[in-house]
């Protein structure tokens, strides 16, 4: 399942890498905003930094990347290991304190590992985006790709829910979290040097690559803060 999980996430291609470069060039390095922007990172173990020392996790590495750009943007870690999309929805209200200006959502990996129905995941993420819309918070929705071993209907339904909901709510959208790790890769084996021994979570170097590719999208998100 792990191999197919990554294989389904590699169709990112050169266009995504080019888009990252364009975003970086289009946004000034100073990234001057009216006031500092705080982005809530709502996620699971991929966000929480499972298996890594604190400074090697996704949120600290994103904050380091943003600081290097001179951006007055801070990512707040709201990752809980083992959380499903329903779990993220259940704790959203108290995670969104008044200081939060925007939100990044990285959920669905545990839904896949548990084989939950795509309709269940769709309902939960719909609830998250609806709450963000009510509060006037721009969102970056980071998708997951289902493995092929659940069958083509399951995969199609799961893979479609992220772009569908992003379009419905006007959210920024990244097709695949693991696509950020190796945009040009076509062989899942190419990811192994960047993974922890469990084959599911990126290691510190893998997270560094993901943060560098994700960072420009956070600058784009910050630009949407009113």
C-alpha atoms as a PDB file:
ATOM      1  CA  UNK A   1       0.000   0.000   0.000  1.00  0.00           C
ATOM      2  CA  UNK A   2       2.826   2.399   0.860  1.00  0.00           C
ATOM      3  CA  UNK A   3       4.400   2.066  -2.592  1.00  0.00           C
ATOM      4  CA  UNK A   4       1.097   2.699  -4.336  1.00  0.00           C
ATOM      5  CA  UNK A   5       0.394   5.584  -1.957  1.00  0.00           C
ATOM      6  CA  UNK A   6       3.557   7.360  -3.035  1.00  0.00           C
ATOM      7  CA  UNK A   7       3.201   6.328  -6.668  1.00  0.00           C
ATOM      8  CA  UNK A   8      -0.208   8.010  -6.742  1.00  0.00           C
ATOM      9  CA  UNK A   9       1.348  11.185  -5.364  1.00  0.00           C
ATOM     10  CA  UNK A  10       4.158  11.639  -7.881  1.00  0.00           C
ATOM     11  CA  UNK A  11       2.246  13.028 -10.851  1.00  0.00           C
ATOM     12  CA  UNK A  12       3.331  16.553 -10.043  1.00  0.00           C
ATOM     13  CA  UNK A  13       5.677  17.244 -12.947  1.00  0.00           C
ATOM     14  CA  UNK A  14       7.836  20.074 -14.079  1.00  0.00           C
ATOM     15  CA  UNK A  15       4.899  22.482 -14.236  1.00  0.00           C
ATOM     16  CA  UNK A  16       4.574  22.490 -10.452  1.00  0.00           C
ATOM     17  CA  UNK A  17       8.281  23.122  -9.976  1.00  0.00           C
ATOM     18  CA  UNK A  18       8.094  25.954 -12.503  1.00  0.00           C
ATOM     19  CA  UNK A  19       5.085  27.408 -10.717  1.00  0.00           C
ATOM     20  CA  UNK A  20       6.998  27.423  -7.436  1.00  0.00           C
ATOM     21  CA  UNK A  21       9.814  29.324  -9.081  1.00  0.00           C
ATOM     22  CA  UNK A  22       7.400  31.807 -10.643  1.00  0.00           C
ATOM     23  CA  UNK A  23       5.711  32.401  -7.292  1.00  0.00           C
ATOM     24  CA  UNK A  24       9.052  32.989  -5.623  1.00  0.00           C
ATOM     25  CA  UNK A  25      10.094  35.502  -8.270  1.00  0.00           C
ATOM     26  CA  UNK A  26       6.704  37.215  -8.378  1.00  0.00           C
ATOM     27  CA  UNK A  27       6.558  37.890  -4.645  1.00  0.00           C
ATOM     28  CA  UNK A  28       9.142  40.323  -3.242  1.00  0.00           C
ATOM     29  CA  UNK A  29      11.640  38.773  -0.870  1.00  0.00           C
ATOM     30  CA  UNK A  30      10.704  41.342   1.763  1.00  0.00           C
ATOM     31  CA  UNK A  31       7.079  40.129   1.458  1.00  0.00           C
ATOM     32  CA  UNK A  32       5.866  43.284   3.173  1.00  0.00           C
ATOM     33  CA  UNK A  33       2.386  42.864   4.642  1.00  0.00           C
ATOM     34  CA  UNK A  34       0.267  45.428   6.456  1.00  0.00           C
ATOM     35  CA  UNK A  35       0.969  43.528   9.675  1.00  0.00           C
ATOM     36  CA  UNK A  36       2.437  40.141  10.637  1.00  0.00           C
ATOM     37  CA  UNK A  37       0.394  37.204   9.320  1.00  0.00           C
ATOM     38  CA  UNK A  38      -0.302  34.073  11.376  1.00  0.00           C
ATOM     39  CA  UNK A  39      -1.246  30.906   9.487  1.00  0.00           C
ATOM     40  CA  UNK A  40      -2.754  27.928  11.305  1.00  0.00           C
ATOM     41  CA  UNK A  41      -1.395  24.607  10.004  1.00  0.00           C
ATOM     42  CA  UNK A  42      -4.235  22.146  10.654  1.00  0.00           C
ATOM     43  CA  UNK A  43      -3.006  18.636  10.087  1.00  0.00           C
ATOM     44  CA  UNK A  44      -1.895  15.246  11.338  1.00  0.00           C
ATOM     45  CA  UNK A  45       1.537  13.723  11.979  1.00  0.00           C
ATOM     46  CA  UNK A  46       2.901  15.154   8.716  1.00  0.00           C
ATOM     47  CA  UNK A  47       2.266  18.599  10.177  1.00  0.00           C
ATOM     48  CA  UNK A  48       3.063  17.741  13.791  1.00  0.00           C
ATOM     49  CA  UNK A  49       6.595  16.555  12.965  1.00  0.00           C
ATOM     50  CA  UNK A  50       6.262  12.883  13.911  1.00  0.00           C
ATOM     51  CA  UNK A  51       9.592  11.108  14.462  1.00  0.00           C
ATOM     52  CA  UNK A  52      11.673  14.283  14.281  1.00  0.00           C
ATOM     53  CA  UNK A  53      13.250  16.594  16.828  1.00  0.00           C
ATOM     54  CA  UNK A  54      11.213  19.772  17.130  1.00  0.00           C
ATOM     55  CA  UNK A  55      13.298  22.033  14.886  1.00  0.00           C
ATOM     56  CA  UNK A  56      13.270  19.454  12.065  1.00  0.00           C
ATOM     57  CA  UNK A  57       9.470  19.296  11.818  1.00  0.00           C
ATOM     58  CA  UNK A  58       7.430  20.853   9.023  1.00  0.00           C
ATOM     59  CA  UNK A  59       6.235  23.948  10.873  1.00  0.00           C
ATOM     60  CA  UNK A  60       9.649  24.972  12.290  1.00  0.00           C
ATOM     61  CA  UNK A  61      11.263  24.426   8.886  1.00  0.00           C
ATOM     62  CA  UNK A  62       8.534  26.459   7.181  1.00  0.00           C
ATOM     63  CA  UNK A  63       9.041  29.274   9.668  1.00  0.00           C
ATOM     64  CA  UNK A  64      12.785  29.160   9.058  1.00  0.00           C
ATOM     65  CA  UNK A  65      12.210  29.341   5.287  1.00  0.00           C
ATOM     66  CA  UNK A  66       9.797  32.272   5.670  1.00  0.00           C
ATOM     67  CA  UNK A  67      12.266  34.099   7.909  1.00  0.00           C
ATOM     68  CA  UNK A  68      14.982  33.647   5.279  1.00  0.00           C
ATOM     69  CA  UNK A  69      12.693  35.414   2.792  1.00  0.00           C
ATOM     70  CA  UNK A  70      12.215  38.293   5.211  1.00  0.00           C
ATOM     71  CA  UNK A  71       8.488  37.534   5.391  1.00  0.00           C
ATOM     72  CA  UNK A  72       6.520  38.627   8.449  1.00  0.00           C
ATOM     73  CA  UNK A  73       4.586  35.368   8.376  1.00  0.00           C
ATOM     74  CA  UNK A  74       4.392  32.769  11.152  1.00  0.00           C
ATOM     75  CA  UNK A  75       2.976  29.256  10.831  1.00  0.00           C
ATOM     76  CA  UNK A  76       1.252  27.918  13.968  1.00  0.00           C
ATOM     77  CA  UNK A  77       1.472  24.171  14.507  1.00  0.00           C
ATOM     78  CA  UNK A  78      -1.965  22.558  14.870  1.00  0.00           C
ATOM     79  CA  UNK A  79      -0.864  19.087  13.822  1.00  0.00           C
ATOM     80  CA  UNK A  80      -2.011  16.073  15.857  1.00  0.00           C
ATOM     81  CA  UNK A  81      -0.481  12.692  15.064  1.00  0.00           C
ATOM     82  CA  UNK A  82      -3.065  10.100  14.072  1.00  0.00           C
ATOM     83  CA  UNK A  83      -5.778  12.661  13.406  1.00  0.00           C
ATOM     84  CA  UNK A  84      -8.318  12.100  10.659  1.00  0.00           C
ATOM     85  CA  UNK A  85     -10.072  14.881   8.790  1.00  0.00           C
ATOM     86  CA  UNK A  86     -13.001  14.460  11.218  1.00  0.00           C
ATOM     87  CA  UNK A  87     -10.614  14.955  14.123  1.00  0.00           C
ATOM     88  CA  UNK A  88      -9.330  18.141  12.531  1.00  0.00           C
ATOM     89  CA  UNK A  89     -12.863  19.438  12.155  1.00  0.00           C
ATOM     90  CA  UNK A  90     -13.728  18.594  15.769  1.00  0.00           C
ATOM     91  CA  UNK A  91     -10.897  20.729  17.165  1.00  0.00           C
ATOM     92  CA  UNK A  92     -11.017  23.519  14.609  1.00  0.00           C
ATOM     93  CA  UNK A  93     -13.106  26.019  16.592  1.00  0.00           C
ATOM     94  CA  UNK A  94     -10.705  26.189  19.541  1.00  0.00           C
ATOM     95  CA  UNK A  95      -7.628  26.058  17.285  1.00  0.00           C
ATOM     96  CA  UNK A  96      -8.712  29.231  15.466  1.00  0.00           C
ATOM     97  CA  UNK A  97      -7.886  31.822  18.098  1.00  0.00           C
ATOM     98  CA  UNK A  98      -8.382  35.519  17.242  1.00  0.00           C
ATOM     99  CA  UNK A  99      -4.732  35.948  16.201  1.00  0.00           C
ATOM    100  CA  UNK A 100      -5.073  33.574  13.217  1.00  0.00           C
ATOM    101  CA  UNK A 101      -5.294  35.279   9.797  1.00  0.00           C
ATOM    102  CA  UNK A 102      -5.273  32.274   7.429  1.00  0.00           C
ATOM    103  CA  UNK A 103      -5.202  28.490   7.436  1.00  0.00           C
ATOM    104  CA  UNK A 104      -3.366  25.646   5.722  1.00  0.00           C
ATOM    105  CA  UNK A 105      -5.097  22.239   5.804  1.00  0.00           C
ATOM    106  CA  UNK A 106      -3.073  19.015   5.447  1.00  0.00           C
ATOM    107  CA  UNK A 107      -5.487  16.223   6.344  1.00  0.00           C
ATOM    108  CA  UNK A 108      -6.658  12.965   4.808  1.00  0.00           C
ATOM    109  CA  UNK A 109      -3.608  10.716   5.112  1.00  0.00           C
ATOM    110  CA  UNK A 110      -5.038   8.853   8.098  1.00  0.00           C
ATOM    111  CA  UNK A 111      -8.420   8.640   6.389  1.00  0.00           C
ATOM    112  CA  UNK A 112      -6.621   6.748   3.612  1.00  0.00           C
ATOM    113  CA  UNK A 113      -4.683   4.515   5.984  1.00  0.00           C
ATOM    114  CA  UNK A 114      -7.978   3.542   7.630  1.00  0.00           C
ATOM    115  CA  UNK A 115      -9.791   3.120   4.329  1.00  0.00           C
ATOM    116  CA  UNK A 116     -12.506   5.591   5.305  1.00  0.00           C
ATOM    117  CA  UNK A 117     -15.126   6.372   2.644  1.00  0.00           C
ATOM    118  CA  UNK A 118     -14.166   9.384   0.497  1.00  0.00           C
ATOM    119  CA  UNK A 119     -17.591  10.875   1.244  1.00  0.00           C
ATOM    120  CA  UNK A 120     -16.671  10.969   4.945  1.00  0.00           C
ATOM    121  CA  UNK A 121     -13.433  12.816   4.239  1.00  0.00           C
ATOM    122  CA  UNK A 122     -15.214  15.203   1.877  1.00  0.00           C
ATOM    123  CA  UNK A 123     -17.822  16.056   4.535  1.00  0.00           C
ATOM    124  CA  UNK A 124     -15.158  16.793   7.158  1.00  0.00           C
ATOM    125  CA  UNK A 125     -12.982  18.958   4.916  1.00  0.00           C
ATOM    126  CA  UNK A 126     -16.091  20.722   3.639  1.00  0.00           C
ATOM    127  CA  UNK A 127     -16.886  21.581   7.264  1.00  0.00           C
ATOM    128  CA  UNK A 128     -13.370  22.924   7.817  1.00  0.00           C
ATOM    129  CA  UNK A 129     -13.488  25.133   4.739  1.00  0.00           C
ATOM    130  CA  UNK A 130     -16.995  26.343   5.553  1.00  0.00           C
ATOM    131  CA  UNK A 131     -15.842  27.446   9.011  1.00  0.00           C
ATOM    132  CA  UNK A 132     -12.862  29.265   7.504  1.00  0.00           C
ATOM    133  CA  UNK A 133     -15.168  31.005   5.030  1.00  0.00           C
ATOM    134  CA  UNK A 134     -17.484  32.086   7.849  1.00  0.00           C
ATOM    135  CA  UNK A 135     -14.523  33.640   9.635  1.00  0.00           C
ATOM    136  CA  UNK A 136     -13.175  35.274   6.472  1.00  0.00           C
ATOM    137  CA  UNK A 137      -9.935  33.272   6.538  1.00  0.00           C
ATOM    138  CA  UNK A 138      -8.153  32.413   3.268  1.00  0.00           C
ATOM    139  CA  UNK A 139      -7.157  28.742   3.016  1.00  0.00           C
ATOM    140  CA  UNK A 140      -4.456  26.668   1.360  1.00  0.00           C
ATOM    141  CA  UNK A 141      -5.761  23.100   0.926  1.00  0.00           C
ATOM    142  CA  UNK A 142      -3.028  20.486   0.475  1.00  0.00           C
ATOM    143  CA  UNK A 143      -4.350  17.318  -1.116  1.00  0.00           C
ATOM    144  CA  UNK A 144      -3.590  13.632  -0.801  1.00  0.00           C
ATOM    145  CA  UNK A 145      -3.739  10.942  -3.473  1.00  0.00           C
ATOM    146  CA  UNK A 146      -5.385   7.598  -2.799  1.00  0.00           C
ATOM    147  CA  UNK A 147      -3.483   4.384  -3.559  1.00  0.00           C
ATOM    148  CA  UNK A 148      -4.750   2.213  -6.377  1.00  0.00           C
ATOM    149  CA  UNK A 149      -5.371  -0.830  -4.194  1.00  0.00           C
ATOM    150  CA  UNK A 150      -8.709   0.569  -2.982  1.00  0.00           C
ATOM    151  CA  UNK A 151     -10.017   0.361  -6.521  1.00  0.00           C
ATOM    152  CA  UNK A 152     -10.488   2.954  -9.272  1.00  0.00           C
ATOM    153  CA  UNK A 153     -13.825   4.266  -7.997  1.00  0.00           C
ATOM    154  CA  UNK A 154     -12.452   4.921  -4.528  1.00  0.00           C
ATOM    155  CA  UNK A 155      -9.352   6.586  -5.937  1.00  0.00           C
ATOM    156  CA  UNK A 156     -11.316   8.820  -8.290  1.00  0.00           C
ATOM    157  CA  UNK A 157     -13.718   9.885  -5.532  1.00  0.00           C
ATOM    158  CA  UNK A 158     -10.958  10.579  -3.024  1.00  0.00           C
ATOM    159  CA  UNK A 159      -8.625  12.379  -5.408  1.00  0.00           C
ATOM    160  CA  UNK A 160     -11.415  14.628  -6.685  1.00  0.00           C
ATOM    161  CA  UNK A 161     -12.609  15.874  -3.307  1.00  0.00           C
ATOM    162  CA  UNK A 162      -9.666  18.257  -2.808  1.00  0.00           C
ATOM    163  CA  UNK A 163      -9.839  20.178  -6.103  1.00  0.00           C
ATOM    164  CA  UNK A 164     -13.644  20.158  -5.950  1.00  0.00           C
ATOM    165  CA  UNK A 165     -13.742  21.713  -2.493  1.00  0.00           C
ATOM    166  CA  UNK A 166     -10.929  24.149  -3.263  1.00  0.00           C
ATOM    167  CA  UNK A 167     -12.931  25.403  -6.236  1.00  0.00           C
ATOM    168  CA  UNK A 168     -16.159  25.549  -4.243  1.00  0.00           C
ATOM    169  CA  UNK A 169     -14.624  27.673  -1.486  1.00  0.00           C
ATOM    170  CA  UNK A 170     -12.088  29.630  -3.545  1.00  0.00           C
ATOM    171  CA  UNK A 171      -9.169  28.090  -1.649  1.00  0.00           C
ATOM    172  CA  UNK A 172      -5.621  27.819  -2.897  1.00  0.00           C
ATOM    173  CA  UNK A 173      -4.857  24.196  -3.703  1.00  0.00           C
ATOM    174  CA  UNK A 174      -1.816  21.941  -3.898  1.00  0.00           C
ATOM    175  CA  UNK A 175      -2.519  18.658  -5.642  1.00  0.00           C
ATOM    176  CA  UNK A 176      -0.375  16.355  -3.517  1.00  0.00           C
ATOM    177  CA  UNK A 177       1.583  16.738  -0.269  1.00  0.00           C
ATOM    178  CA  UNK A 178       4.091  14.079  -1.306  1.00  0.00           C
ATOM    179  CA  UNK A 179       4.393  15.659  -4.728  1.00  0.00           C
ATOM    180  CA  UNK A 180       6.148  18.513  -2.920  1.00  0.00           C
ATOM    181  CA  UNK A 181       8.911  16.096  -1.944  1.00  0.00           C
ATOM    182  CA  UNK A 182       9.958  15.103  -5.463  1.00  0.00           C
ATOM    183  CA  UNK A 183       8.179  17.089  -8.192  1.00  0.00           C
ATOM    184  CA  UNK A 184      10.128  15.396 -10.972  1.00  0.00           C
ATOM    185  CA  UNK A 185      10.122  11.836  -9.621  1.00  0.00           C
ATOM    186  CA  UNK A 186       8.341   9.046 -11.476  1.00  0.00           C
ATOM    187  CA  UNK A 187       9.628   6.138  -9.372  1.00  0.00           C
ATOM    188  CA  UNK A 188       8.540   5.817  -5.708  1.00  0.00           C
ATOM    189  CA  UNK A 189      11.985   4.393  -4.903  1.00  0.00           C
ATOM    190  CA  UNK A 190      13.406   7.868  -5.531  1.00  0.00           C
ATOM    191  CA  UNK A 191      11.678   9.032  -2.346  1.00  0.00           C
ATOM    192  CA  UNK A 192      13.250   6.490  -0.016  1.00  0.00           C
ATOM    193  CA  UNK A 193      16.341   8.574   0.891  1.00  0.00           C
ATOM    194  CA  UNK A 194      13.980  11.267   2.150  1.00  0.00           C
ATOM    195  CA  UNK A 195      11.731   9.024   4.246  1.00  0.00           C
ATOM    196  CA  UNK A 196      11.860   7.737   7.802  1.00  0.00           C
ATOM    197  CA  UNK A 197      12.119   3.948   8.275  1.00  0.00           C
ATOM    198  CA  UNK A 198       8.326   3.638   8.501  1.00  0.00           C
ATOM    199  CA  UNK A 199       8.093   4.605   4.830  1.00  0.00           C
ATOM    200  CA  UNK A 200       5.254   7.037   5.584  1.00  0.00           C
ATOM    201  CA  UNK A 201       6.797  10.127   7.158  1.00  0.00           C
ATOM    202  CA  UNK A 202       9.521  12.288   5.584  1.00  0.00           C
ATOM    203  CA  UNK A 203      12.843  12.574   7.385  1.00  0.00           C
ATOM    204  CA  UNK A 204      14.458  15.918   8.225  1.00  0.00           C
ATOM    205  CA  UNK A 205      15.917  16.361   4.736  1.00  0.00           C
ATOM    206  CA  UNK A 206      12.631  15.381   3.138  1.00  0.00           C
ATOM    207  CA  UNK A 207      10.815  17.945   5.258  1.00  0.00           C
ATOM    208  CA  UNK A 208      13.365  20.592   4.251  1.00  0.00           C
ATOM    209  CA  UNK A 209      12.574  19.952   0.582  1.00  0.00           C
ATOM    210  CA  UNK A 210       8.839  20.021   1.224  1.00  0.00           C
ATOM    211  CA  UNK A 211       9.134  23.276   3.172  1.00  0.00           C
ATOM    212  CA  UNK A 212      11.109  24.921   0.370  1.00  0.00           C
ATOM    213  CA  UNK A 213       8.464  23.923  -2.190  1.00  0.00           C
ATOM    214  CA  UNK A 214       5.536  24.763   0.091  1.00  0.00           C
ATOM    215  CA  UNK A 215       6.878  28.112   1.260  1.00  0.00           C
ATOM    216  CA  UNK A 216       6.017  30.134  -1.883  1.00  0.00           C
ATOM    217  CA  UNK A 217       2.407  28.969  -1.613  1.00  0.00           C
ATOM    218  CA  UNK A 218       2.270  30.285   1.955  1.00  0.00           C
ATOM    219  CA  UNK A 219       3.507  33.661   0.741  1.00  0.00           C
ATOM    220  CA  UNK A 220       0.704  33.595  -1.822  1.00  0.00           C
ATOM    221  CA  UNK A 221      -1.758  32.706   0.948  1.00  0.00           C
ATOM    222  CA  UNK A 222      -0.475  35.543   3.139  1.00  0.00           C
ATOM    223  CA  UNK A 223      -1.072  37.965   0.288  1.00  0.00           C
ATOM    224  CA  UNK A 224      -4.772  37.076   0.466  1.00  0.00           C
ATOM    225  CA  UNK A 225      -5.113  38.179   4.086  1.00  0.00           C
ATOM    226  CA  UNK A 226      -7.244  41.336   4.253  1.00  0.00           C
END
